Amino acid sequence: MLNNIEGIYRNGRVELTEQPTDTDEGTRVIVTFMRSNEIDLASQGINKAQAEILRSHLATFADDWESQEMSIYDDYFTLKNGDFHR
């Protein structure tokens, strides 16, 4: 049985946001660290309004960029530098 519970990593420990139910003490767990989806706009030199404008302008490229044909560029820099071993 899988039971997903969010937590926060602090001082070498994971603090759960809620207590698991129907779980025995000593049950093994898998912890996956996720990166935040938030971008520090100020560090990029833009504000929220500018980011919204930029997002709307770039949205027109989304369908093309996410198409299967674009996967050829996934390893572009590796292949460009001559590392053809996979």
PDB file of N, CA and C in Angstrom:
ATOM      1  N   MET A   1       0.842  -1.189   0.000  1.00  0.00           N
ATOM      2  CA  MET A   1       0.000   0.000   0.000  1.00  0.00           C
ATOM      3  C   MET A   1       0.877   1.239   0.000  1.00  0.00           C
ATOM      4  N   LEU A   2       0.571   2.189  -0.854  1.00  0.00           N
ATOM      5  CA  LEU A   2       1.279   3.457  -0.880  1.00  0.00           C
ATOM      6  C   LEU A   2       0.425   4.525  -0.217  1.00  0.00           C
ATOM      7  N   ASN A   3       1.073   5.360   0.565  1.00  0.00           N
ATOM      8  CA  ASN A   3       0.384   6.447   1.247  1.00  0.00           C
ATOM      9  C   ASN A   3       1.272   7.675   1.127  1.00  0.00           C
ATOM     10  N   ASN A   4       0.836   8.666   0.391  1.00  0.00           N
ATOM     11  CA  ASN A   4       1.637   9.874   0.180  1.00  0.00           C
ATOM     12  C   ASN A   4       1.333  10.921   1.242  1.00  0.00           C
ATOM     13  N   ILE A   5       2.392  11.413   1.875  1.00  0.00           N
ATOM     14  CA  ILE A   5       2.265  12.479   2.864  1.00  0.00           C
ATOM     15  C   ILE A   5       3.370  13.481   2.593  1.00  0.00           C
ATOM     16  N   GLU A   6       3.015  14.734   2.526  1.00  0.00           N
ATOM     17  CA  GLU A   6       3.994  15.786   2.280  1.00  0.00           C
ATOM     18  C   GLU A   6       4.800  16.060   3.547  1.00  0.00           C
ATOM     19  N   GLY A   7       6.015  16.512   3.351  1.00  0.00           N
ATOM     20  CA  GLY A   7       6.861  16.850   4.483  1.00  0.00           C
ATOM     21  C   GLY A   7       7.877  17.905   4.098  1.00  0.00           C
ATOM     22  N   ILE A   8       8.654  18.347   5.070  1.00  0.00           N
ATOM     23  CA  ILE A   8       9.693  19.359   4.848  1.00  0.00           C
ATOM     24  C   ILE A   8      10.987  18.832   5.442  1.00  0.00           C
ATOM     25  N   TYR A   9      12.072  18.980   4.713  1.00  0.00           N
ATOM     26  CA  TYR A   9      13.382  18.535   5.161  1.00  0.00           C
ATOM     27  C   TYR A   9      14.056  19.657   5.939  1.00  0.00           C
ATOM     28  N   ARG A  10      14.410  19.388   7.190  1.00  0.00           N
ATOM     29  CA  ARG A  10      15.072  20.374   8.045  1.00  0.00           C
ATOM     30  C   ARG A  10      16.081  19.658   8.932  1.00  0.00           C
ATOM     31  N   ASN A  11      17.275  20.212   9.009  1.00  0.00           N
ATOM     32  CA  ASN A  11      18.304  19.697   9.921  1.00  0.00           C
ATOM     33  C   ASN A  11      18.494  18.189   9.814  1.00  0.00           C
ATOM     34  N   GLY A  12      18.503  17.683   8.593  1.00  0.00           N
ATOM     35  CA  GLY A  12      18.754  16.266   8.388  1.00  0.00           C
ATOM     36  C   GLY A  12      17.586  15.346   8.669  1.00  0.00           C
ATOM     37  N   ARG A  13      16.409  15.912   8.915  1.00  0.00           N
ATOM     38  CA  ARG A  13      15.220  15.097   9.202  1.00  0.00           C
ATOM     39  C   ARG A  13      14.055  15.556   8.333  1.00  0.00           C
ATOM     40  N   VAL A  14      13.140  14.642   8.097  1.00  0.00           N
ATOM     41  CA  VAL A  14      11.919  14.967   7.362  1.00  0.00           C
ATOM     42  C   VAL A  14      10.795  15.141   8.370  1.00  0.00           C
ATOM     43  N   GLU A  15      10.177  16.318   8.361  1.00  0.00           N
ATOM     44  CA  GLU A  15       9.040  16.608   9.229  1.00  0.00           C
ATOM     45  C   GLU A  15       7.770  16.453   8.396  1.00  0.00           C
ATOM     46  N   LEU A  16       6.910  15.508   8.777  1.00  0.00           N
ATOM     47  CA  LEU A  16       5.670  15.264   8.045  1.00  0.00           C
ATOM     48  C   LEU A  16       4.643  16.336   8.372  1.00  0.00           C
ATOM     49  N   THR A  17       3.841  16.702   7.373  1.00  0.00           N
ATOM     50  CA  THR A  17       2.802  17.708   7.587  1.00  0.00           C
ATOM     51  C   THR A  17       1.568  17.120   8.254  1.00  0.00           C
ATOM     52  N   GLU A  18       1.464  15.786   8.245  1.00  0.00           N
ATOM     53  CA  GLU A  18       0.366  15.106   8.935  1.00  0.00           C
ATOM     54  C   GLU A  18       0.857  13.721   9.352  1.00  0.00           C
ATOM     55  N   GLN A  19       0.189  13.134  10.316  1.00  0.00           N
ATOM     56  CA  GLN A  19       0.558  11.807  10.798  1.00  0.00           C
ATOM     57  C   GLN A  19      -0.077  10.741   9.902  1.00  0.00           C
ATOM     58  N   PRO A  20       0.692   9.728   9.524  1.00  0.00           N
ATOM     59  CA  PRO A  20       0.112   8.666   8.701  1.00  0.00           C
ATOM     60  C   PRO A  20      -0.898   7.853   9.508  1.00  0.00           C
ATOM     61  N   THR A  21      -1.916   7.367   8.841  1.00  0.00           N
ATOM     62  CA  THR A  21      -2.913   6.515   9.503  1.00  0.00           C
ATOM     63  C   THR A  21      -2.759   5.093   8.971  1.00  0.00           C
ATOM     64  N   ASP A  22      -3.141   4.132   9.751  1.00  0.00           N
ATOM     65  CA  ASP A  22      -3.063   2.724   9.349  1.00  0.00           C
ATOM     66  C   ASP A  22      -1.653   2.330   8.907  1.00  0.00           C
ATOM     67  N   THR A  23      -0.635   2.854   9.603  1.00  0.00           N
ATOM     68  CA  THR A  23       0.751   2.545   9.279  1.00  0.00           C
ATOM     69  C   THR A  23       1.449   2.079  10.547  1.00  0.00           C
ATOM     70  N   ASP A  24       2.079   0.939  10.463  1.00  0.00           N
ATOM     71  CA  ASP A  24       2.776   0.380  11.619  1.00  0.00           C
ATOM     72  C   ASP A  24       4.099   1.097  11.851  1.00  0.00           C
ATOM     73  N   GLU A  25       4.498   1.193  13.119  1.00  0.00           N
ATOM     74  CA  GLU A  25       5.793   1.747  13.482  1.00  0.00           C
ATOM     75  C   GLU A  25       6.877   0.898  12.822  1.00  0.00           C
ATOM     76  N   GLY A  26       7.880   1.533  12.267  1.00  0.00           N
ATOM     77  CA  GLY A  26       8.980   0.819  11.620  1.00  0.00           C
ATOM     78  C   GLY A  26       8.743   0.508  10.157  1.00  0.00           C
ATOM     79  N   THR A  27       7.617   0.984   9.599  1.00  0.00           N
ATOM     80  CA  THR A  27       7.335   0.765   8.183  1.00  0.00           C
ATOM     81  C   THR A  27       8.375   1.493   7.345  1.00  0.00           C
ATOM     82  N   ARG A  28       8.890   0.827   6.334  1.00  0.00           N
ATOM     83  CA  ARG A  28       9.877   1.444   5.446  1.00  0.00           C
ATOM     84  C   ARG A  28       9.206   2.534   4.609  1.00  0.00           C
ATOM     85  N   VAL A  29       9.977   3.574   4.275  1.00  0.00           N
ATOM     86  CA  VAL A  29       9.465   4.683   3.484  1.00  0.00           C
ATOM     87  C   VAL A  29      10.441   5.001   2.363  1.00  0.00           C
ATOM     88  N   ILE A  30       9.956   5.679   1.351  1.00  0.00           N
ATOM     89  CA  ILE A  30      10.775   6.235   0.281  1.00  0.00           C
ATOM     90  C   ILE A  30      10.557   7.735   0.313  1.00  0.00           C
ATOM     91  N   VAL A  31      11.629   8.493   0.335  1.00  0.00           N
ATOM     92  CA  VAL A  31      11.535   9.954   0.367  1.00  0.00           C
ATOM     93  C   VAL A  31      12.018  10.488  -0.971  1.00  0.00           C
ATOM     94  N   THR A  32      11.218  11.321  -1.609  1.00  0.00           N
ATOM     95  CA  THR A  32      11.576  11.959  -2.866  1.00  0.00           C
ATOM     96  C   THR A  32      11.688  13.452  -2.634  1.00  0.00           C
ATOM     97  N   PHE A  33      12.836  14.032  -2.946  1.00  0.00           N
ATOM     98  CA  PHE A  33      13.027  15.473  -2.782  1.00  0.00           C
ATOM     99  C   PHE A  33      12.583  16.170  -4.057  1.00  0.00           C
ATOM    100  N   MET A  34      11.707  17.161  -3.902  1.00  0.00           N
ATOM    101  CA  MET A  34      11.176  17.898  -5.047  1.00  0.00           C
ATOM    102  C   MET A  34      11.717  19.321  -5.022  1.00  0.00           C
ATOM    103  N   ARG A  35      12.027  19.812  -6.178  1.00  0.00           N
ATOM    104  CA  ARG A  35      12.426  21.217  -6.272  1.00  0.00           C
ATOM    105  C   ARG A  35      11.167  22.073  -6.372  1.00  0.00           C
ATOM    106  N   SER A  36      11.244  23.241  -5.817  1.00  0.00           N
ATOM    107  CA  SER A  36      10.115  24.151  -5.864  1.00  0.00           C
ATOM    108  C   SER A  36       9.870  24.608  -7.298  1.00  0.00           C
ATOM    109  N   ASN A  37       8.610  24.757  -7.666  1.00  0.00           N
ATOM    110  CA  ASN A  37       8.270  25.264  -8.998  1.00  0.00           C
ATOM    111  C   ASN A  37       8.308  26.784  -9.046  1.00  0.00           C
ATOM    112  N   GLU A  38       8.528  27.406  -7.907  1.00  0.00           N
ATOM    113  CA  GLU A  38       8.540  28.855  -7.856  1.00  0.00           C
ATOM    114  C   GLU A  38       9.881  29.403  -8.334  1.00  0.00           C
ATOM    115  N   ILE A  39       9.829  30.477  -9.070  1.00  0.00           N
ATOM    116  CA  ILE A  39      11.025  31.146  -9.571  1.00  0.00           C
ATOM    117  C   ILE A  39      11.129  32.488  -8.876  1.00  0.00           C
ATOM    118  N   ASP A  40      12.318  32.813  -8.413  1.00  0.00           N
ATOM    119  CA  ASP A  40      12.559  34.110  -7.787  1.00  0.00           C
ATOM    120  C   ASP A  40      12.640  35.157  -8.895  1.00  0.00           C
ATOM    121  N   LEU A  41      11.517  35.805  -9.158  1.00  0.00           N
ATOM    122  CA  LEU A  41      11.443  36.755 -10.271  1.00  0.00           C
ATOM    123  C   LEU A  41      12.437  37.901 -10.116  1.00  0.00           C
ATOM    124  N   ALA A  42      12.587  38.409  -8.896  1.00  0.00           N
ATOM    125  CA  ALA A  42      13.499  39.531  -8.666  1.00  0.00           C
ATOM    126  C   ALA A  42      14.925  39.172  -9.072  1.00  0.00           C
ATOM    127  N   SER A  43      15.326  37.911  -8.816  1.00  0.00           N
ATOM    128  CA  SER A  43      16.681  37.506  -9.184  1.00  0.00           C
ATOM    129  C   SER A  43      16.856  37.439 -10.696  1.00  0.00           C
ATOM    130  N   GLN A  44      15.729  37.381 -11.415  1.00  0.00           N
ATOM    131  CA  GLN A  44      15.772  37.366 -12.871  1.00  0.00           C
ATOM    132  C   GLN A  44      15.573  38.767 -13.463  1.00  0.00           C
ATOM    133  N   GLY A  45      15.408  39.730 -12.592  1.00  0.00           N
ATOM    134  CA  GLY A  45      15.272  41.118 -13.032  1.00  0.00           C
ATOM    135  C   GLY A  45      13.906  41.482 -13.578  1.00  0.00           C
ATOM    136  N   ILE A  46      12.870  40.737 -13.189  1.00  0.00           N
ATOM    137  CA  ILE A  46      11.516  41.054 -13.653  1.00  0.00           C
ATOM    138  C   ILE A  46      10.544  41.001 -12.484  1.00  0.00           C
ATOM    139  N   ASN A  47       9.407  41.651 -12.681  1.00  0.00           N
ATOM    140  CA  ASN A  47       8.372  41.605 -11.651  1.00  0.00           C
ATOM    141  C   ASN A  47       7.241  40.681 -12.119  1.00  0.00           C
ATOM    142  N   LYS A  48       6.211  40.519 -11.294  1.00  0.00           N
ATOM    143  CA  LYS A  48       5.131  39.582 -11.606  1.00  0.00           C
ATOM    144  C   LYS A  48       4.387  39.968 -12.889  1.00  0.00           C
ATOM    145  N   ALA A  49       4.117  41.253 -13.085  1.00  0.00           N
ATOM    146  CA  ALA A  49       3.409  41.694 -14.290  1.00  0.00           C
ATOM    147  C   ALA A  49       4.227  41.397 -15.546  1.00  0.00           C
ATOM    148  N   GLN A  50       5.535  41.639 -15.480  1.00  0.00           N
ATOM    149  CA  GLN A  50       6.402  41.356 -16.624  1.00  0.00           C
ATOM    150  C   GLN A  50       6.460  39.857 -16.900  1.00  0.00           C
ATOM    151  N   ALA A  51       6.466  39.057 -15.839  1.00  0.00           N
ATOM    152  CA  ALA A  51       6.494  37.604 -15.999  1.00  0.00           C
ATOM    153  C   ALA A  51       5.223  37.106 -16.678  1.00  0.00           C
ATOM    154  N   GLU A  52       4.083  37.680 -16.331  1.00  0.00           N
ATOM    155  CA  GLU A  52       2.820  37.281 -16.962  1.00  0.00           C
ATOM    156  C   GLU A  52       2.814  37.625 -18.441  1.00  0.00           C
ATOM    157  N   ILE A  53       3.346  38.788 -18.784  1.00  0.00           N
ATOM    158  CA  ILE A  53       3.438  39.180 -20.195  1.00  0.00           C
ATOM    159  C   ILE A  53       4.362  38.229 -20.948  1.00  0.00           C
ATOM    160  N   LEU A  54       5.513  37.945 -20.361  1.00  0.00           N
ATOM    161  CA  LEU A  54       6.462  37.031 -20.976  1.00  0.00           C
ATOM    162  C   LEU A  54       5.846  35.651 -21.174  1.00  0.00           C
ATOM    163  N   ARG A  55       5.143  35.163 -20.160  1.00  0.00           N
ATOM    164  CA  ARG A  55       4.491  33.851 -20.268  1.00  0.00           C
ATOM    165  C   ARG A  55       3.473  33.837 -21.410  1.00  0.00           C
ATOM    166  N   SER A  56       2.695  34.894 -21.544  1.00  0.00           N
ATOM    167  CA  SER A  56       1.692  34.926 -22.612  1.00  0.00           C
ATOM    168  C   SER A  56       2.352  34.970 -23.989  1.00  0.00           C
ATOM    169  N   HIS A  57       3.481  35.659 -24.109  1.00  0.00           N
ATOM    170  CA  HIS A  57       4.189  35.715 -25.393  1.00  0.00           C
ATOM    171  C   HIS A  57       4.805  34.361 -25.742  1.00  0.00           C
ATOM    172  N   LEU A  58       5.335  33.671 -24.755  1.00  0.00           N
ATOM    173  CA  LEU A  58       5.983  32.385 -25.002  1.00  0.00           C
ATOM    174  C   LEU A  58       4.999  31.238 -25.166  1.00  0.00           C
ATOM    175  N   ALA A  59       3.759  31.431 -24.731  1.00  0.00           N
ATOM    176  CA  ALA A  59       2.746  30.372 -24.828  1.00  0.00           C
ATOM    177  C   ALA A  59       2.525  29.943 -26.266  1.00  0.00           C
ATOM    178  N   THR A  60       2.718  30.859 -27.211  1.00  0.00           N
ATOM    179  CA  THR A  60       2.507  30.517 -28.625  1.00  0.00           C
ATOM    180  C   THR A  60       3.504  29.475 -29.110  1.00  0.00           C
ATOM    181  N   PHE A  61       4.644  29.329 -28.415  1.00  0.00           N
ATOM    182  CA  PHE A  61       5.648  28.360 -28.808  1.00  0.00           C
ATOM    183  C   PHE A  61       5.454  26.991 -28.147  1.00  0.00           C
ATOM    184  N   ALA A  62       4.599  26.900 -27.155  1.00  0.00           N
ATOM    185  CA  ALA A  62       4.485  25.691 -26.338  1.00  0.00           C
ATOM    186  C   ALA A  62       4.183  24.440 -27.152  1.00  0.00           C
ATOM    187  N   ASP A  63       3.212  24.496 -28.043  1.00  0.00           N
ATOM    188  CA  ASP A  63       2.855  23.310 -28.824  1.00  0.00           C
ATOM    189  C   ASP A  63       4.026  22.817 -29.659  1.00  0.00           C
ATOM    190  N   ASP A  64       4.734  23.749 -30.299  1.00  0.00           N
ATOM    191  CA  ASP A  64       5.891  23.353 -31.104  1.00  0.00           C
ATOM    192  C   ASP A  64       7.002  22.805 -30.228  1.00  0.00           C
ATOM    193  N   TRP A  65       7.299  23.480 -29.146  1.00  0.00           N
ATOM    194  CA  TRP A  65       8.418  23.088 -28.287  1.00  0.00           C
ATOM    195  C   TRP A  65       8.201  21.716 -27.657  1.00  0.00           C
ATOM    196  N   GLU A  66       6.971  21.400 -27.309  1.00  0.00           N
ATOM    197  CA  GLU A  66       6.676  20.140 -26.644  1.00  0.00           C
ATOM    198  C   GLU A  66       6.349  19.007 -27.607  1.00  0.00           C
ATOM    199  N   SER A  67       6.445  19.255 -28.909  1.00  0.00           N
ATOM    200  CA  SER A  67       6.152  18.206 -29.879  1.00  0.00           C
ATOM    201  C   SER A  67       7.246  17.139 -29.881  1.00  0.00           C
ATOM    202  N   GLN A  68       6.892  15.944 -30.321  1.00  0.00           N
ATOM    203  CA  GLN A  68       7.823  14.818 -30.344  1.00  0.00           C
ATOM    204  C   GLN A  68       9.055  15.129 -31.195  1.00  0.00           C
ATOM    205  N   GLU A  69       8.895  15.870 -32.258  1.00  0.00           N
ATOM    206  CA  GLU A  69      10.011  16.185 -33.148  1.00  0.00           C
ATOM    207  C   GLU A  69      11.107  16.993 -32.458  1.00  0.00           C
ATOM    208  N   MET A  70      10.758  17.735 -31.434  1.00  0.00           N
ATOM    209  CA  MET A  70      11.746  18.564 -30.739  1.00  0.00           C
ATOM    210  C   MET A  70      12.655  17.749 -29.831  1.00  0.00           C
ATOM    211  N   SER A  71      12.335  16.485 -29.576  1.00  0.00           N
ATOM    212  CA  SER A  71      13.172  15.663 -28.712  1.00  0.00           C
ATOM    213  C   SER A  71      14.572  15.475 -29.277  1.00  0.00           C
ATOM    214  N   ILE A  72      14.743  15.727 -30.567  1.00  0.00           N
ATOM    215  CA  ILE A  72      16.063  15.622 -31.173  1.00  0.00           C
ATOM    216  C   ILE A  72      17.051  16.596 -30.524  1.00  0.00           C
ATOM    217  N   TYR A  73      16.541  17.660 -29.938  1.00  0.00           N
ATOM    218  CA  TYR A  73      17.404  18.657 -29.305  1.00  0.00           C
ATOM    219  C   TYR A  73      17.695  18.367 -27.829  1.00  0.00           C
ATOM    220  N   ASP A  74      17.123  17.308 -27.269  1.00  0.00           N
ATOM    221  CA  ASP A  74      17.315  17.016 -25.855  1.00  0.00           C
ATOM    222  C   ASP A  74      18.782  16.829 -25.484  1.00  0.00           C
ATOM    223  N   ASP A  75      19.563  16.214 -26.358  1.00  0.00           N
ATOM    224  CA  ASP A  75      20.987  15.974 -26.099  1.00  0.00           C
ATOM    225  C   ASP A  75      21.875  16.828 -26.984  1.00  0.00           C
ATOM    226  N   TYR A  76      21.396  17.949 -27.430  1.00  0.00           N
ATOM    227  CA  TYR A  76      22.121  18.791 -28.386  1.00  0.00           C
ATOM    228  C   TYR A  76      23.538  19.116 -27.939  1.00  0.00           C
ATOM    229  N   PHE A  77      23.703  19.630 -26.719  1.00  0.00           N
ATOM    230  CA  PHE A  77      25.029  20.065 -26.286  1.00  0.00           C
ATOM    231  C   PHE A  77      25.981  18.886 -26.094  1.00  0.00           C
ATOM    232  N   THR A  78      25.471  17.766 -25.627  1.00  0.00           N
ATOM    233  CA  THR A  78      26.305  16.576 -25.480  1.00  0.00           C
ATOM    234  C   THR A  78      26.810  16.131 -26.841  1.00  0.00           C
ATOM    235  N   LEU A  79      25.912  16.051 -27.810  1.00  0.00           N
ATOM    236  CA  LEU A  79      26.287  15.617 -29.148  1.00  0.00           C
ATOM    237  C   LEU A  79      27.165  16.652 -29.851  1.00  0.00           C
ATOM    238  N   LYS A  80      26.892  17.912 -29.621  1.00  0.00           N
ATOM    239  CA  LYS A  80      27.685  18.981 -30.235  1.00  0.00           C
ATOM    240  C   LYS A  80      29.139  18.897 -29.772  1.00  0.00           C
ATOM    241  N   ASN A  81      29.352  18.521 -28.504  1.00  0.00           N
ATOM    242  CA  ASN A  81      30.694  18.426 -27.952  1.00  0.00           C
ATOM    243  C   ASN A  81      31.371  17.101 -28.269  1.00  0.00           C
ATOM    244  N   GLY A  82      30.735  16.275 -29.097  1.00  0.00           N
ATOM    245  CA  GLY A  82      31.361  15.049 -29.555  1.00  0.00           C
ATOM    246  C   GLY A  82      31.217  13.862 -28.643  1.00  0.00           C
ATOM    247  N   ASP A  83      30.370  13.933 -27.639  1.00  0.00           N
ATOM    248  CA  ASP A  83      30.173  12.794 -26.754  1.00  0.00           C
ATOM    249  C   ASP A  83      28.995  11.970 -27.280  1.00  0.00           C
ATOM    250  N   PHE A  84      29.311  10.994 -28.135  1.00  0.00           N
ATOM    251  CA  PHE A  84      28.279  10.196 -28.760  1.00  0.00           C
ATOM    252  C   PHE A  84      28.015   8.897 -28.023  1.00  0.00           C
ATOM    253  N   HIS A  85      28.678   8.681 -26.891  1.00  0.00           N
ATOM    254  CA  HIS A  85      28.513   7.450 -26.113  1.00  0.00           C
ATOM    255  C   HIS A  85      27.343   7.617 -25.149  1.00  0.00           C
ATOM    256  N   ARG A  86      26.408   6.706 -25.186  1.00  0.00           N
ATOM    257  CA  ARG A  86      25.242   6.772 -24.303  1.00  0.00           C
ATOM    258  C   ARG A  86      25.142   5.556 -23.469  1.00  0.00           C
TER     259      ARG A  86
END
